[in-house]
Amino acid sequence: MDWKYLLTSFEGRINRAKFWAGVGVLIAASIVLNLIDSILGLQFGQGFGVLSTIFALISIYLALALYAKRWHDRDKSGWWSLIALIPIIGAVWLLIELGILEGTRGPNRYGMDPLA
């Protein structure tokens, strides 16, 4: 799997398996950095870790790249990621559309079917 493409590119399409793999990597990295912050005492303010805070800011970009490719697989614009800004409903919508529903079969305007 091309991790650089998966986590940094806003072009193309990915299937659900690659989407969940990317989400898993982001969650695992966040947990590891949180543990490192705790062990090394790299806390500031209200217990925010230095490394985990920096990674949280970087992961916004990485998550948006994942979301855009997954939206493309659903034959929708990556701008649909803004639905997450709607409290509760947005998160549920995002989970269903990107994590559960199947992508468009065959080629669409964003590229070839990732399962083909």
Protein backbone atom coordinates (compact mmCIF):
# COMPACT_ATOMS: atom_id res chain seq x y z
CA MET A 1 0.00 0.00 0.00
CA ASP A 2 1.29 3.48 -0.88
CA TRP A 3 0.98 5.25 2.49
CA LYS A 4 2.24 8.57 1.14
CA TYR A 5 -0.54 8.63 -1.47
CA LEU A 6 -3.11 7.37 1.03
CA LEU A 7 -2.41 10.03 3.64
CA THR A 8 -1.36 13.08 1.61
CA SER A 9 -3.05 13.09 -1.81
CA PHE A 10 -6.49 14.53 -2.44
CA GLU A 11 -6.69 12.89 -5.89
CA GLY A 12 -8.24 9.56 -6.86
CA ARG A 13 -10.34 6.99 -5.05
CA ILE A 14 -9.89 4.49 -2.22
CA ASN A 15 -12.11 1.66 -1.04
CA ARG A 16 -13.40 1.12 2.50
CA ALA A 17 -10.54 -1.18 3.50
CA LYS A 18 -7.88 1.41 2.68
CA PHE A 19 -9.96 4.10 4.37
CA TRP A 20 -10.17 2.10 7.61
CA ALA A 21 -6.45 1.23 7.36
CA GLY A 22 -5.65 4.95 7.16
CA VAL A 23 -7.97 5.75 10.06
CA GLY A 24 -6.34 2.97 12.08
CA VAL A 25 -2.86 4.36 11.42
CA LEU A 26 -3.96 7.84 12.54
CA ILE A 27 -5.53 6.46 15.73
CA ALA A 28 -2.52 4.25 16.51
CA ALA A 29 -0.08 7.14 15.97
CA SER A 30 -2.18 9.34 18.22
CA ILE A 31 -2.19 6.74 21.01
CA VAL A 32 1.57 6.16 20.76
CA LEU A 33 2.35 9.89 20.82
CA ASN A 34 0.00 10.36 23.77
CA LEU A 35 1.85 7.63 25.67
CA ILE A 36 5.22 9.18 24.82
CA ASP A 37 3.95 12.55 26.07
CA SER A 38 2.82 10.94 29.32
CA ILE A 39 6.03 8.95 29.88
CA LEU A 40 8.35 11.87 29.12
CA GLY A 41 6.18 14.42 30.90
CA LEU A 42 5.77 16.57 27.80
CA GLN A 43 2.55 18.13 29.04
CA PHE A 44 1.48 21.75 28.97
CA GLY A 45 -1.65 23.61 30.04
CA GLN A 46 -4.58 21.37 30.92
CA GLY A 47 -2.64 18.14 30.36
CA PHE A 48 -2.24 18.53 26.60
CA GLY A 49 0.81 16.69 25.32
CA VAL A 50 3.24 18.52 23.08
CA LEU A 51 3.72 15.70 20.55
CA SER A 52 0.09 14.64 20.49
CA THR A 53 -1.07 18.24 20.00
CA ILE A 54 1.31 18.74 17.07
CA PHE A 55 0.16 15.43 15.57
CA ALA A 56 -3.50 16.37 16.07
CA LEU A 57 -2.96 19.49 13.96
CA ILE A 58 -1.12 17.52 11.26
CA SER A 59 -3.75 14.77 11.30
CA ILE A 60 -6.43 17.26 10.22
CA TYR A 61 -4.73 17.42 6.83
CA LEU A 62 -4.14 13.65 6.73
CA ALA A 63 -7.77 12.87 7.62
CA LEU A 64 -9.10 15.32 5.02
CA ALA A 65 -6.96 13.60 2.36
CA LEU A 66 -8.45 10.24 3.36
CA TYR A 67 -11.97 11.65 3.40
CA ALA A 68 -11.61 13.31 -0.01
CA LYS A 69 -10.52 10.09 -1.72
CA ARG A 70 -13.31 8.16 -0.02
CA TRP A 71 -15.89 10.78 -1.07
CA HIS A 72 -14.52 10.47 -4.61
CA ASP A 73 -15.18 6.72 -4.44
CA ARG A 74 -18.78 7.59 -3.57
CA ASP A 75 -18.77 9.91 -6.67
CA LYS A 76 -19.04 13.05 -4.53
CA SER A 77 -16.79 16.06 -4.07
CA GLY A 78 -14.26 16.09 -1.24
CA TRP A 79 -16.01 19.24 -0.02
CA TRP A 80 -18.63 16.89 1.48
CA SER A 81 -16.14 16.55 4.35
CA LEU A 82 -17.57 19.82 5.65
CA ILE A 83 -20.65 17.83 6.72
CA ALA A 84 -18.58 16.89 9.80
CA LEU A 85 -19.02 20.45 11.07
CA ILE A 86 -22.69 19.76 11.80
CA PRO A 87 -22.84 18.48 15.40
CA ILE A 88 -23.76 14.78 15.84
CA ILE A 89 -25.57 14.40 12.48
CA GLY A 90 -22.41 15.28 10.57
CA ALA A 91 -20.29 12.68 12.34
CA VAL A 92 -22.93 9.98 11.84
CA TRP A 93 -23.34 10.93 8.17
CA LEU A 94 -19.56 10.82 7.67
CA LEU A 95 -19.29 7.41 9.33
CA ILE A 96 -22.08 5.92 7.23
CA GLU A 97 -21.03 7.43 3.88
CA LEU A 98 -17.30 6.87 4.18
CA GLY A 99 -16.97 3.89 6.46
CA ILE A 100 -19.95 1.71 5.68
CA LEU A 101 -21.47 2.36 2.25
CA GLU A 102 -19.95 0.82 -0.86
CA GLY A 103 -18.28 3.03 -3.44
CA THR A 104 -19.45 3.61 -7.00
CA ARG A 105 -18.92 0.52 -9.14
CA GLY A 106 -16.79 1.03 -12.21
CA PRO A 107 -15.03 4.22 -13.22
CA ASN A 108 -16.43 7.61 -12.26
CA ARG A 109 -15.27 11.20 -12.81
CA TYR A 110 -12.59 10.77 -10.10
CA GLY A 111 -10.90 7.70 -11.55
CA MET A 112 -11.01 3.95 -11.92
CA ASP A 113 -12.76 1.64 -9.47
CA PRO A 114 -10.22 0.84 -6.70
CA LEU A 115 -11.63 -2.70 -6.49
CA ALA A 116 -11.25 -3.38 -10.23
